[in-house]
């Protein structure tokens, strides 16, 4: 049997190998990260403290801001530190943890956006039943399910990806750990579990996208059917 060298860590390539450019990228991404952090934290603060914003729409928006904060806080700080210290290494455990969190928060955002589209649909198309349909319990349940499904996806993806050995090259051509790059450096020939997980998640993502599109089609159709003031006056005459 041919000898193989198992990978014990990875190298994140980033955008450049030039140290001066790495410092520029590190400072630039630090400013972008702080701006994203401040914007989302402002939304969270306002939707929490302002009594007028205690509605289902702002409740989902606050959850989406939380997910955005957690999502950008997983790869960006590591990328900033790597560029400022000129050290692109990451351990397998840290890479797995990064993949788990990024996949979980990304999947959570997809399902939360689907819940928000349903909230908009009920508010525009069924306004008389809005308070009954979108009560506090339902909103909390929909947000909780979005977080839980996101965590489940992250766990399945991470378990499927890191259940296989890595050998040969340890270079990841990204500034974070992602599944396609890890698949390319895998020396396993049995990836059926991972591919099955990817297939299921792709189907659910497409389903969420279709639900969002259908919701907004109904919303636009309802809005277009609302008579304008001019049309109302003409009908009265």
Protein backbone atom coordinates (compact mmCIF):
# COMPACT_ATOMS: atom_id res chain seq x y z
CA UNK A 1 0.00 0.00 0.00
CA UNK A 2 1.25 3.50 -0.78
CA UNK A 3 2.17 5.54 2.26
CA UNK A 4 0.09 8.64 2.93
CA UNK A 5 0.72 11.55 5.27
CA UNK A 6 -2.32 12.43 7.33
CA UNK A 7 -3.04 16.11 7.76
CA UNK A 8 -2.97 17.39 11.35
CA UNK A 9 -3.71 21.05 10.53
CA UNK A 10 -4.60 23.37 7.68
CA UNK A 11 -3.29 26.55 6.08
CA UNK A 12 -5.80 29.23 5.12
CA UNK A 13 -4.48 30.98 2.02
CA UNK A 14 -6.41 34.23 2.35
CA UNK A 15 -5.99 36.87 -0.35
CA UNK A 16 -2.26 37.49 -0.53
CA UNK A 17 1.13 36.17 0.59
CA UNK A 18 2.67 39.67 0.72
CA UNK A 19 2.95 40.80 4.34
CA UNK A 20 2.24 44.47 3.59
CA UNK A 21 -0.96 43.55 1.76
CA UNK A 22 -1.95 41.19 4.56
CA UNK A 23 -1.81 44.11 7.02
CA UNK A 24 -3.96 46.21 4.67
CA UNK A 25 -6.51 43.40 4.35
CA UNK A 26 -6.50 42.87 8.10
CA UNK A 27 -7.22 46.54 8.86
CA UNK A 28 -9.82 46.76 6.08
CA UNK A 29 -11.72 43.71 7.28
CA UNK A 30 -11.47 44.97 10.86
CA UNK A 31 -13.28 48.17 9.86
CA UNK A 32 -15.90 46.23 7.89
CA UNK A 33 -16.40 43.82 10.79
CA UNK A 34 -16.85 46.66 13.30
CA UNK A 35 -19.35 48.38 10.99
CA UNK A 36 -21.38 45.17 10.58
CA UNK A 37 -21.21 44.56 14.32
CA UNK A 38 -22.35 48.07 15.24
CA UNK A 39 -25.20 48.04 12.70
CA UNK A 40 -26.63 44.74 13.89
CA UNK A 41 -26.16 45.58 17.57
CA UNK A 42 -28.02 48.85 16.99
CA UNK A 43 -30.94 46.94 15.47
CA UNK A 44 -30.95 44.50 18.39
CA UNK A 45 -30.89 47.34 20.92
CA UNK A 46 -33.68 49.33 19.27
CA UNK A 47 -35.98 46.34 18.76
CA UNK A 48 -35.46 45.34 22.39
CA UNK A 49 -35.90 48.70 24.13
CA UNK A 50 -38.53 50.40 21.95
CA UNK A 51 -42.02 49.28 22.95
CA UNK A 52 -43.43 50.30 19.54
CA UNK A 53 -41.14 47.77 17.88
CA UNK A 54 -42.44 44.77 19.84
CA UNK A 55 -44.09 43.22 16.80
CA UNK A 56 -43.49 39.90 15.00
CA UNK A 57 -41.66 41.60 12.12
CA UNK A 58 -39.10 43.23 14.41
CA UNK A 59 -38.88 40.09 16.51
CA UNK A 60 -37.71 38.14 13.48
CA UNK A 61 -35.47 41.04 12.44
CA UNK A 62 -33.79 40.94 15.85
CA UNK A 63 -33.18 37.21 15.52
CA UNK A 64 -31.76 37.76 12.04
CA UNK A 65 -29.40 40.40 13.43
CA UNK A 66 -28.23 37.98 16.11
CA UNK A 67 -27.49 35.38 13.44
CA UNK A 68 -25.62 37.97 11.36
CA UNK A 69 -23.48 38.95 14.36
CA UNK A 70 -22.62 35.33 15.15
CA UNK A 71 -22.00 34.47 11.49
CA UNK A 72 -19.52 37.28 10.80
CA UNK A 73 -17.86 36.74 14.18
CA UNK A 74 -16.80 33.20 13.26
CA UNK A 75 -14.42 33.62 10.27
CA UNK A 76 -13.61 37.35 10.21
CA UNK A 77 -11.73 37.74 13.56
CA UNK A 78 -9.59 34.70 12.70
CA UNK A 79 -8.86 36.18 9.27
CA UNK A 80 -7.90 39.53 10.83
CA UNK A 81 -5.57 37.90 13.36
CA UNK A 82 -3.99 35.72 10.65
CA UNK A 83 -3.25 38.75 8.48
CA UNK A 84 -1.84 40.88 11.29
CA UNK A 85 0.32 38.07 12.70
CA UNK A 86 1.19 36.55 9.28
CA UNK A 87 0.21 33.12 10.57
CA UNK A 88 -2.32 31.28 8.40
CA UNK A 89 -2.43 27.99 10.28
CA UNK A 90 -5.57 26.55 11.85
CA UNK A 91 -5.97 23.29 13.73
CA UNK A 92 -8.39 20.57 12.67
CA UNK A 93 -10.46 21.13 15.82
CA UNK A 94 -10.69 24.89 15.20
CA UNK A 95 -11.55 24.27 11.54
CA UNK A 96 -14.32 21.85 12.52
CA UNK A 97 -15.70 24.31 15.07
CA UNK A 98 -15.62 27.09 12.49
CA UNK A 99 -17.44 24.95 9.92
CA UNK A 100 -20.04 23.90 12.51
CA UNK A 101 -20.88 27.47 13.52
CA UNK A 102 -20.86 28.94 10.02
CA UNK A 103 -23.09 26.20 8.62
CA UNK A 104 -25.47 26.42 11.57
CA UNK A 105 -25.88 30.19 11.41
CA UNK A 106 -26.18 30.23 7.60
CA UNK A 107 -28.88 27.55 7.62
CA UNK A 108 -30.64 29.33 10.48
CA UNK A 109 -30.77 32.53 8.44
CA UNK A 110 -32.35 30.73 5.48
CA UNK A 111 -35.17 29.30 7.58
CA UNK A 112 -35.62 32.58 9.46
CA UNK A 113 -35.97 34.46 6.17
CA UNK A 114 -38.65 31.94 5.19
CA UNK A 115 -40.48 32.64 8.45
CA UNK A 116 -40.22 36.39 7.80
CA UNK A 117 -41.70 35.98 4.32
CA UNK A 118 -44.65 34.08 5.86
CA UNK A 119 -45.09 36.87 8.41
CA UNK A 120 -45.22 39.44 5.59
CA UNK A 121 -47.67 37.27 3.67
CA UNK A 122 -50.07 37.05 6.60
CA UNK A 123 -49.75 40.78 7.34
CA UNK A 124 -50.60 41.83 3.76
CA UNK A 125 -52.89 39.06 2.52
CA UNK A 126 -54.73 38.19 5.76
CA UNK A 127 -54.61 41.39 7.85
CA UNK A 128 -57.77 40.61 9.84
CA UNK A 129 -56.30 37.32 11.11
CA UNK A 130 -52.74 38.61 11.59
CA UNK A 131 -52.77 38.95 15.38
CA UNK A 132 -54.34 35.52 15.78
CA UNK A 133 -52.02 33.71 13.34
CA UNK A 134 -48.79 35.48 14.28
CA UNK A 135 -49.15 35.46 18.04
CA UNK A 136 -46.19 35.47 20.43
CA UNK A 137 -46.12 31.71 20.84
CA UNK A 138 -46.05 31.05 17.09
CA UNK A 139 -43.29 33.63 16.55
CA UNK A 140 -41.12 32.14 19.29
CA UNK A 141 -41.75 28.64 17.91
CA UNK A 142 -40.81 29.63 14.35
CA UNK A 143 -37.63 31.37 15.50
CA UNK A 144 -36.69 28.45 17.75
CA UNK A 145 -37.22 25.95 14.94
CA UNK A 146 -35.03 28.05 12.63
CA UNK A 147 -32.20 28.07 15.18
CA UNK A 148 -32.64 24.35 15.93
CA UNK A 149 -32.70 23.27 12.27
CA UNK A 150 -29.64 25.42 11.62
CA UNK A 151 -27.80 23.70 14.46
CA UNK A 152 -28.87 20.29 13.15
CA UNK A 153 -27.56 21.09 9.67
CA UNK A 154 -24.29 22.33 11.10
CA UNK A 155 -23.84 19.19 13.16
CA UNK A 156 -24.61 16.85 10.24
CA UNK A 157 -22.33 18.74 7.85
CA UNK A 158 -19.44 18.90 10.31
CA UNK A 159 -19.77 15.28 11.38
CA UNK A 160 -19.95 14.11 7.77
CA UNK A 161 -16.99 16.24 6.68
CA UNK A 162 -14.62 15.43 9.53
CA UNK A 163 -15.49 11.75 9.71
CA UNK A 164 -13.18 11.24 6.72
CA UNK A 165 -9.37 11.43 6.81
CA UNK A 166 -7.39 14.21 5.16
CA UNK A 167 -4.09 13.51 3.48
CA UNK A 168 -1.69 15.15 1.07
CA UNK A 169 -2.14 18.89 0.76
CA UNK A 170 -3.15 20.88 3.85
CA UNK A 171 -3.81 24.13 1.98
CA UNK A 172 -7.35 25.57 1.94
CA UNK A 173 -7.66 28.20 -0.83
CA UNK A 174 -10.03 30.32 1.26
CA UNK A 175 -9.78 32.52 4.35
CA UNK A 176 -12.13 30.16 6.21
CA UNK A 177 -12.86 26.42 6.31
CA UNK A 178 -15.47 25.39 3.74
CA UNK A 179 -16.81 22.02 2.63
CA UNK A 180 -15.71 22.09 -1.06
CA UNK A 181 -12.09 22.82 -0.13
CA UNK A 182 -12.08 20.09 2.51
CA UNK A 183 -13.55 17.60 0.05
CA UNK A 184 -10.74 18.29 -2.41
CA UNK A 185 -8.05 17.37 0.13
CA UNK A 186 -9.86 14.32 1.46
CA UNK A 187 -8.41 10.90 0.75
CA UNK A 188 -11.62 9.05 1.58
CA UNK A 189 -13.47 7.17 -1.14
CA UNK A 190 -16.72 6.80 0.83
CA UNK A 191 -18.48 10.17 0.86
CA UNK A 192 -22.05 8.94 0.49
CA UNK A 193 -23.14 10.20 3.93
CA UNK A 194 -21.79 13.67 3.26
CA UNK A 195 -23.24 13.80 -0.26
CA UNK A 196 -26.61 12.66 1.07
CA UNK A 197 -26.53 15.45 3.66
CA UNK A 198 -25.64 17.97 0.97
CA UNK A 199 -28.50 16.72 -1.20
CA UNK A 200 -31.05 16.97 1.60
CA UNK A 201 -29.89 20.47 2.56
CA UNK A 202 -29.97 21.58 -1.07
CA UNK A 203 -33.57 20.34 -1.42
CA UNK A 204 -34.64 22.13 1.76
CA UNK A 205 -32.86 25.33 0.70
CA UNK A 206 -34.61 25.26 -2.68
CA UNK A 207 -37.91 24.61 -0.89
CA UNK A 208 -37.34 27.64 1.35
CA UNK A 209 -36.50 29.76 -1.68
CA UNK A 210 -39.67 28.64 -3.47
CA UNK A 211 -41.77 29.42 -0.37
CA UNK A 212 -40.24 32.92 -0.17
CA UNK A 213 -40.90 33.57 -3.87
CA UNK A 214 -44.50 32.33 -3.65
CA UNK A 215 -45.13 34.47 -0.54
CA UNK A 216 -43.95 37.64 -2.25
CA UNK A 217 -45.86 36.82 -5.43
CA UNK A 218 -49.04 36.72 -3.36
CA UNK A 219 -47.99 39.91 -1.56
CA UNK A 220 -47.36 41.82 -4.80
CA UNK A 221 -50.60 40.48 -6.28
CA UNK A 222 -52.56 41.66 -3.25
CA UNK A 223 -50.92 45.08 -3.24
CA UNK A 224 -51.65 45.59 -6.94
CA UNK A 225 -55.32 44.77 -6.35
CA UNK A 226 -55.65 47.49 -3.70
CA UNK A 227 -57.54 50.40 -5.32
CA UNK A 228 -55.82 53.78 -5.34
CA UNK A 229 -57.51 56.95 -4.09
CA UNK A 230 -58.23 58.04 -7.67
CA UNK A 231 -59.85 54.71 -8.52
CA UNK A 232 -61.93 54.86 -5.34
CA UNK A 233 -63.21 58.33 -6.21
CA UNK A 234 -64.08 57.24 -9.75
CA UNK A 235 -66.01 54.25 -8.44
CA UNK A 236 -67.96 56.50 -6.06
CA UNK A 237 -68.90 58.84 -8.88
